[in-house]
């Protein structure tokens, strides 16, 4: 918490450059220093297959969400490009519609 307090507020840039200078000085003093990785930290294994449309995780493929969006009665019908501009504006959907739709709840949780 001390580090967080030191890197916020009005002196954030001066603190950053002070730490950057200290890091550079350390590496000048010890040019062959290497870091030792902690093997006790678990590395999560991800079994995610990205689609070609996602350009192997560079983009997000929204087509599946678009299909679900347009098939729910909660949302108005629209084309794909309109969907991209408003899919995140969930505050525009009436609260009564949100509560009454199980599909909506599943859509939001996915």
N, C-alpha and C. Protein backbone atom coordinates (compact mmCIF):
# COMPACT_ATOMS: atom_id res chain seq x y z
N UNK A 1 0.82 -1.20 0.00
CA UNK A 1 0.00 0.00 0.00
C UNK A 1 0.86 1.26 0.00
N UNK A 2 2.07 1.17 0.57
CA UNK A 2 2.98 2.32 0.54
C UNK A 2 3.40 2.62 -0.89
N UNK A 3 3.66 1.56 -1.65
CA UNK A 3 4.08 1.74 -3.04
C UNK A 3 2.96 2.36 -3.86
N UNK A 4 1.74 1.92 -3.63
CA UNK A 4 0.60 2.48 -4.34
C UNK A 4 0.41 3.95 -3.98
N UNK A 5 0.55 4.28 -2.73
CA UNK A 5 0.42 5.67 -2.30
C UNK A 5 1.53 6.54 -2.90
N UNK A 6 2.72 5.97 -3.02
CA UNK A 6 3.85 6.74 -3.56
C UNK A 6 3.71 6.98 -5.06
N UNK A 7 3.02 6.08 -5.74
CA UNK A 7 2.89 6.21 -7.21
C UNK A 7 1.55 6.81 -7.62
N UNK A 8 0.94 7.53 -6.74
CA UNK A 8 -0.31 8.21 -7.09
C UNK A 8 -0.27 9.63 -6.53
N UNK A 9 -1.17 10.43 -7.00
CA UNK A 9 -1.22 11.80 -6.51
C UNK A 9 -0.43 12.75 -7.38
N UNK A 10 -0.06 13.86 -6.82
CA UNK A 10 0.59 14.92 -7.59
C UNK A 10 2.05 14.62 -7.94
N UNK A 11 2.70 13.72 -7.20
CA UNK A 11 4.11 13.43 -7.45
C UNK A 11 4.31 12.14 -8.24
N UNK A 12 3.33 11.71 -8.99
CA UNK A 12 3.41 10.43 -9.68
C UNK A 12 4.55 10.41 -10.70
N UNK A 13 4.74 11.49 -11.44
CA UNK A 13 5.79 11.50 -12.46
C UNK A 13 7.18 11.58 -11.84
N UNK A 14 7.33 12.40 -10.82
CA UNK A 14 8.65 12.48 -10.18
C UNK A 14 9.01 11.14 -9.54
N UNK A 15 8.03 10.47 -8.93
CA UNK A 15 8.27 9.16 -8.33
C UNK A 15 8.64 8.13 -9.41
N UNK A 16 7.96 8.18 -10.54
CA UNK A 16 8.25 7.26 -11.64
C UNK A 16 9.69 7.44 -12.11
N UNK A 17 10.09 8.70 -12.38
CA UNK A 17 11.43 8.95 -12.89
C UNK A 17 12.51 8.65 -11.85
N UNK A 18 12.22 8.83 -10.59
CA UNK A 18 13.15 8.46 -9.53
C UNK A 18 13.39 6.96 -9.54
N UNK A 19 12.31 6.19 -9.65
CA UNK A 19 12.43 4.73 -9.68
C UNK A 19 13.09 4.25 -10.97
N UNK A 20 12.79 4.91 -12.08
CA UNK A 20 13.41 4.56 -13.35
C UNK A 20 14.92 4.79 -13.28
N UNK A 21 15.33 5.91 -12.70
CA UNK A 21 16.76 6.22 -12.55
C UNK A 21 17.43 5.17 -11.67
N UNK A 22 16.79 4.78 -10.57
CA UNK A 22 17.36 3.77 -9.68
C UNK A 22 17.51 2.43 -10.40
N UNK A 23 16.53 2.07 -11.22
CA UNK A 23 16.60 0.82 -11.98
C UNK A 23 17.73 0.86 -12.99
N UNK A 24 17.86 1.97 -13.69
CA UNK A 24 18.95 2.12 -14.67
C UNK A 24 20.31 2.09 -13.99
N UNK A 25 20.44 2.77 -12.85
CA UNK A 25 21.70 2.76 -12.11
C UNK A 25 22.07 1.34 -11.67
N UNK A 26 21.09 0.59 -11.21
CA UNK A 26 21.33 -0.79 -10.79
C UNK A 26 21.84 -1.63 -11.96
N UNK A 27 21.22 -1.48 -13.13
CA UNK A 27 21.63 -2.29 -14.28
C UNK A 27 22.97 -1.84 -14.86
N UNK A 28 23.32 -0.58 -14.67
CA UNK A 28 24.66 -0.14 -15.06
C UNK A 28 25.72 -0.74 -14.12
N UNK A 29 25.36 -0.81 -12.85
CA UNK A 29 26.28 -1.35 -11.85
C UNK A 29 26.43 -2.86 -11.99
N UNK A 30 25.33 -3.55 -12.32
CA UNK A 30 25.33 -5.01 -12.47
C UNK A 30 24.80 -5.37 -13.87
N UNK A 31 25.61 -5.20 -14.92
CA UNK A 31 25.12 -5.40 -16.28
C UNK A 31 24.76 -6.85 -16.61
N UNK A 32 25.32 -7.81 -15.91
CA UNK A 32 25.04 -9.22 -16.20
C UNK A 32 24.04 -9.84 -15.23
N UNK A 33 23.35 -9.01 -14.46
CA UNK A 33 22.38 -9.52 -13.50
C UNK A 33 21.20 -10.14 -14.24
N UNK A 34 20.73 -11.24 -13.71
CA UNK A 34 19.57 -11.89 -14.31
C UNK A 34 18.51 -12.07 -13.24
N UNK A 35 17.30 -12.24 -13.68
CA UNK A 35 16.23 -12.44 -12.71
C UNK A 35 16.01 -13.93 -12.50
N UNK A 36 15.60 -14.25 -11.32
CA UNK A 36 15.30 -15.64 -10.99
C UNK A 36 13.80 -15.75 -10.89
N UNK A 37 13.22 -16.58 -11.73
CA UNK A 37 11.77 -16.74 -11.73
C UNK A 37 11.35 -17.68 -10.62
N UNK A 38 10.25 -17.37 -10.01
CA UNK A 38 9.70 -18.19 -8.93
C UNK A 38 8.85 -19.30 -9.55
N UNK A 39 9.31 -20.53 -9.43
CA UNK A 39 8.59 -21.67 -10.01
C UNK A 39 7.36 -22.07 -9.21
N UNK A 40 7.20 -21.49 -8.03
CA UNK A 40 6.05 -21.86 -7.21
C UNK A 40 4.76 -21.18 -7.66
N UNK A 41 4.88 -20.17 -8.53
CA UNK A 41 3.69 -19.49 -9.03
C UNK A 41 3.09 -20.32 -10.16
N UNK A 42 1.85 -20.76 -10.00
CA UNK A 42 1.25 -21.61 -11.04
C UNK A 42 0.95 -20.82 -12.31
N UNK A 43 1.20 -21.43 -13.43
CA UNK A 43 0.90 -20.83 -14.72
C UNK A 43 -0.40 -21.46 -15.22
N UNK A 44 -1.42 -20.64 -15.43
CA UNK A 44 -2.70 -21.22 -15.87
C UNK A 44 -2.59 -21.78 -17.28
N UNK A 45 -3.21 -22.93 -17.49
CA UNK A 45 -3.25 -23.53 -18.82
C UNK A 45 -4.58 -23.18 -19.44
N UNK A 46 -4.52 -22.63 -20.61
CA UNK A 46 -5.74 -22.17 -21.27
C UNK A 46 -6.00 -23.04 -22.49
N UNK A 47 -7.17 -23.62 -22.52
CA UNK A 47 -7.58 -24.43 -23.66
C UNK A 47 -8.56 -23.64 -24.52
N UNK A 48 -8.10 -22.52 -25.02
CA UNK A 48 -8.96 -21.66 -25.83
C UNK A 48 -8.50 -21.73 -27.27
N UNK A 49 -9.43 -22.03 -28.15
CA UNK A 49 -9.12 -22.04 -29.57
C UNK A 49 -9.72 -20.79 -30.19
N UNK A 50 -8.87 -19.93 -30.70
CA UNK A 50 -9.34 -18.72 -31.33
C UNK A 50 -9.68 -18.98 -32.78
N UNK A 51 -10.68 -18.27 -33.27
CA UNK A 51 -11.10 -18.46 -34.66
C UNK A 51 -10.25 -17.60 -35.58
N UNK A 52 -10.33 -17.90 -36.86
CA UNK A 52 -9.63 -17.10 -37.85
C UNK A 52 -10.10 -15.67 -37.85
N UNK A 53 -11.41 -15.47 -37.59
CA UNK A 53 -11.96 -14.12 -37.52
C UNK A 53 -11.34 -13.33 -36.39
N UNK A 54 -10.93 -14.03 -35.35
CA UNK A 54 -10.32 -13.35 -34.21
C UNK A 54 -8.83 -13.10 -34.42
N UNK A 55 -8.33 -13.55 -35.56
CA UNK A 55 -6.91 -13.36 -35.90
C UNK A 55 -6.03 -13.83 -34.76
N UNK A 56 -6.37 -15.01 -34.23
CA UNK A 56 -5.61 -15.65 -33.17
C UNK A 56 -5.41 -14.74 -31.96
N UNK A 57 -6.53 -14.23 -31.46
CA UNK A 57 -6.64 -13.44 -30.22
C UNK A 57 -6.32 -11.96 -30.40
N UNK A 58 -6.14 -11.51 -31.61
CA UNK A 58 -5.90 -10.08 -31.81
C UNK A 58 -7.22 -9.32 -31.76
N UNK A 59 -8.32 -9.95 -32.17
CA UNK A 59 -9.64 -9.34 -32.19
C UNK A 59 -10.63 -10.24 -31.47
N UNK A 60 -11.81 -9.72 -31.20
CA UNK A 60 -12.86 -10.51 -30.58
C UNK A 60 -13.94 -10.76 -31.62
N UNK A 61 -14.30 -12.01 -31.80
CA UNK A 61 -15.35 -12.37 -32.74
C UNK A 61 -16.70 -12.21 -32.04
N UNK A 62 -17.49 -11.26 -32.49
CA UNK A 62 -18.76 -10.94 -31.85
C UNK A 62 -19.96 -11.56 -32.56
N UNK A 63 -19.74 -12.35 -33.61
CA UNK A 63 -20.85 -12.88 -34.40
C UNK A 63 -21.80 -13.76 -33.58
N UNK A 64 -21.26 -14.59 -32.71
CA UNK A 64 -22.11 -15.45 -31.89
C UNK A 64 -22.99 -14.61 -30.96
N UNK A 65 -22.40 -13.57 -30.37
CA UNK A 65 -23.18 -12.68 -29.51
C UNK A 65 -24.22 -11.90 -30.31
N UNK A 66 -23.87 -11.53 -31.53
CA UNK A 66 -24.82 -10.83 -32.40
C UNK A 66 -26.03 -11.70 -32.70
N UNK A 67 -25.79 -12.97 -33.00
CA UNK A 67 -26.91 -13.89 -33.28
C UNK A 67 -27.83 -13.99 -32.07
N UNK A 68 -27.24 -14.15 -30.91
CA UNK A 68 -28.04 -14.26 -29.69
C UNK A 68 -28.79 -12.96 -29.41
N UNK A 69 -28.11 -11.84 -29.62
CA UNK A 69 -28.69 -10.51 -29.39
C UNK A 69 -29.93 -10.31 -30.25
N UNK A 70 -29.81 -10.62 -31.53
CA UNK A 70 -30.93 -10.38 -32.45
C UNK A 70 -32.07 -11.37 -32.25
N UNK A 71 -31.83 -12.50 -31.62
CA UNK A 71 -32.89 -13.48 -31.40
C UNK A 71 -33.61 -13.29 -30.06
N UNK A 72 -33.16 -12.37 -29.25
CA UNK A 72 -33.83 -12.11 -27.98
C UNK A 72 -34.87 -11.01 -28.15
N UNK A 73 -35.99 -11.18 -27.50
CA UNK A 73 -37.07 -10.19 -27.57
C UNK A 73 -36.74 -8.93 -26.77
N UNK A 74 -35.76 -9.01 -25.91
CA UNK A 74 -35.37 -7.88 -25.07
C UNK A 74 -34.79 -6.75 -25.92
N UNK A 75 -34.06 -7.12 -26.98
CA UNK A 75 -33.39 -6.14 -27.82
C UNK A 75 -34.13 -5.92 -29.13
N UNK A 76 -33.98 -4.74 -29.69
CA UNK A 76 -34.55 -4.44 -31.00
C UNK A 76 -33.67 -5.06 -32.07
N UNK A 77 -34.28 -5.42 -33.19
CA UNK A 77 -33.53 -5.99 -34.32
C UNK A 77 -32.63 -4.91 -34.91
N UNK A 78 -31.45 -5.31 -35.35
CA UNK A 78 -30.52 -4.36 -35.96
C UNK A 78 -29.52 -5.12 -36.80
N UNK A 79 -28.77 -4.39 -37.62
CA UNK A 79 -27.72 -5.05 -38.40
C UNK A 79 -26.46 -5.17 -37.54
N UNK A 80 -25.47 -5.89 -38.06
CA UNK A 80 -24.26 -6.19 -37.29
C UNK A 80 -23.51 -4.92 -36.87
N UNK A 81 -23.38 -3.97 -37.77
CA UNK A 81 -22.62 -2.76 -37.45
C UNK A 81 -23.33 -1.90 -36.40
N UNK A 82 -24.66 -1.88 -36.43
CA UNK A 82 -25.41 -1.18 -35.38
C UNK A 82 -25.21 -1.88 -34.04
N UNK A 83 -25.21 -3.21 -34.09
CA UNK A 83 -24.98 -4.01 -32.88
C UNK A 83 -23.64 -3.66 -32.23
N UNK A 84 -22.60 -3.53 -33.04
CA UNK A 84 -21.28 -3.20 -32.49
C UNK A 84 -21.27 -1.84 -31.79
N UNK A 85 -22.15 -0.95 -32.23
CA UNK A 85 -22.22 0.36 -31.60
C UNK A 85 -23.07 0.42 -30.35
N UNK A 86 -23.90 -0.61 -30.13
CA UNK A 86 -24.79 -0.51 -28.98
C UNK A 86 -24.86 -1.74 -28.08
N UNK A 87 -24.12 -2.81 -28.36
CA UNK A 87 -24.22 -4.02 -27.55
C UNK A 87 -23.82 -3.79 -26.09
N UNK A 88 -22.97 -2.82 -25.85
CA UNK A 88 -22.50 -2.55 -24.49
C UNK A 88 -23.37 -1.55 -23.74
N UNK A 89 -24.37 -1.01 -24.38
CA UNK A 89 -25.24 -0.01 -23.75
C UNK A 89 -26.46 -0.69 -23.12
N UNK A 90 -26.20 -1.53 -22.16
CA UNK A 90 -27.25 -2.32 -21.53
C UNK A 90 -28.17 -1.49 -20.66
N UNK A 91 -27.74 -0.29 -20.31
CA UNK A 91 -28.58 0.58 -19.49
C UNK A 91 -29.80 1.08 -20.27
N UNK A 92 -29.80 0.93 -21.59
CA UNK A 92 -30.93 1.39 -22.39
C UNK A 92 -32.08 0.39 -22.41
N UNK A 93 -31.84 -0.83 -21.93
CA UNK A 93 -32.89 -1.85 -21.89
C UNK A 93 -33.73 -1.65 -20.64
N UNK A 94 -35.04 -1.70 -20.81
CA UNK A 94 -35.95 -1.50 -19.67
C UNK A 94 -35.71 -2.58 -18.60
N UNK A 95 -35.73 -2.16 -17.35
CA UNK A 95 -35.47 -3.07 -16.24
C UNK A 95 -36.45 -4.23 -16.22
N UNK A 96 -37.71 -3.97 -16.56
CA UNK A 96 -38.73 -5.02 -16.57
C UNK A 96 -38.38 -6.12 -17.57
N UNK A 97 -37.85 -5.71 -18.72
CA UNK A 97 -37.46 -6.68 -19.74
C UNK A 97 -36.27 -7.51 -19.27
N UNK A 98 -35.34 -6.86 -18.59
CA UNK A 98 -34.15 -7.56 -18.11
C UNK A 98 -34.53 -8.65 -17.11
N UNK A 99 -35.39 -8.30 -16.18
CA UNK A 99 -35.78 -9.23 -15.12
C UNK A 99 -36.59 -10.39 -15.67
N UNK A 100 -37.43 -10.13 -16.65
CA UNK A 100 -38.35 -11.15 -17.17
C UNK A 100 -37.67 -12.15 -18.11
N UNK A 101 -36.47 -11.89 -18.55
CA UNK A 101 -35.84 -12.73 -19.56
C UNK A 101 -34.68 -13.54 -19.00
N UNK A 102 -34.84 -14.86 -19.00
CA UNK A 102 -33.73 -15.74 -18.61
C UNK A 102 -32.63 -15.71 -19.66
N UNK A 103 -33.02 -15.57 -20.92
CA UNK A 103 -32.04 -15.48 -22.01
C UNK A 103 -31.11 -14.29 -21.80
N UNK A 104 -31.68 -13.18 -21.37
CA UNK A 104 -30.91 -11.97 -21.12
C UNK A 104 -29.86 -12.21 -20.04
N UNK A 105 -30.26 -12.84 -18.95
CA UNK A 105 -29.35 -13.12 -17.84
C UNK A 105 -28.21 -14.02 -18.31
N UNK A 106 -28.54 -15.05 -19.09
CA UNK A 106 -27.50 -15.95 -19.61
C UNK A 106 -26.58 -15.18 -20.56
N UNK A 107 -27.14 -14.34 -21.40
CA UNK A 107 -26.35 -13.53 -22.34
C UNK A 107 -25.35 -12.66 -21.59
N UNK A 108 -25.80 -12.02 -20.54
CA UNK A 108 -24.94 -11.13 -19.76
C UNK A 108 -23.84 -11.93 -19.05
N UNK A 109 -24.19 -13.08 -18.53
CA UNK A 109 -23.20 -13.89 -17.81
C UNK A 109 -22.15 -14.50 -18.74
N UNK A 110 -22.53 -14.69 -20.00
CA UNK A 110 -21.56 -15.25 -20.96
C UNK A 110 -20.63 -14.17 -21.42
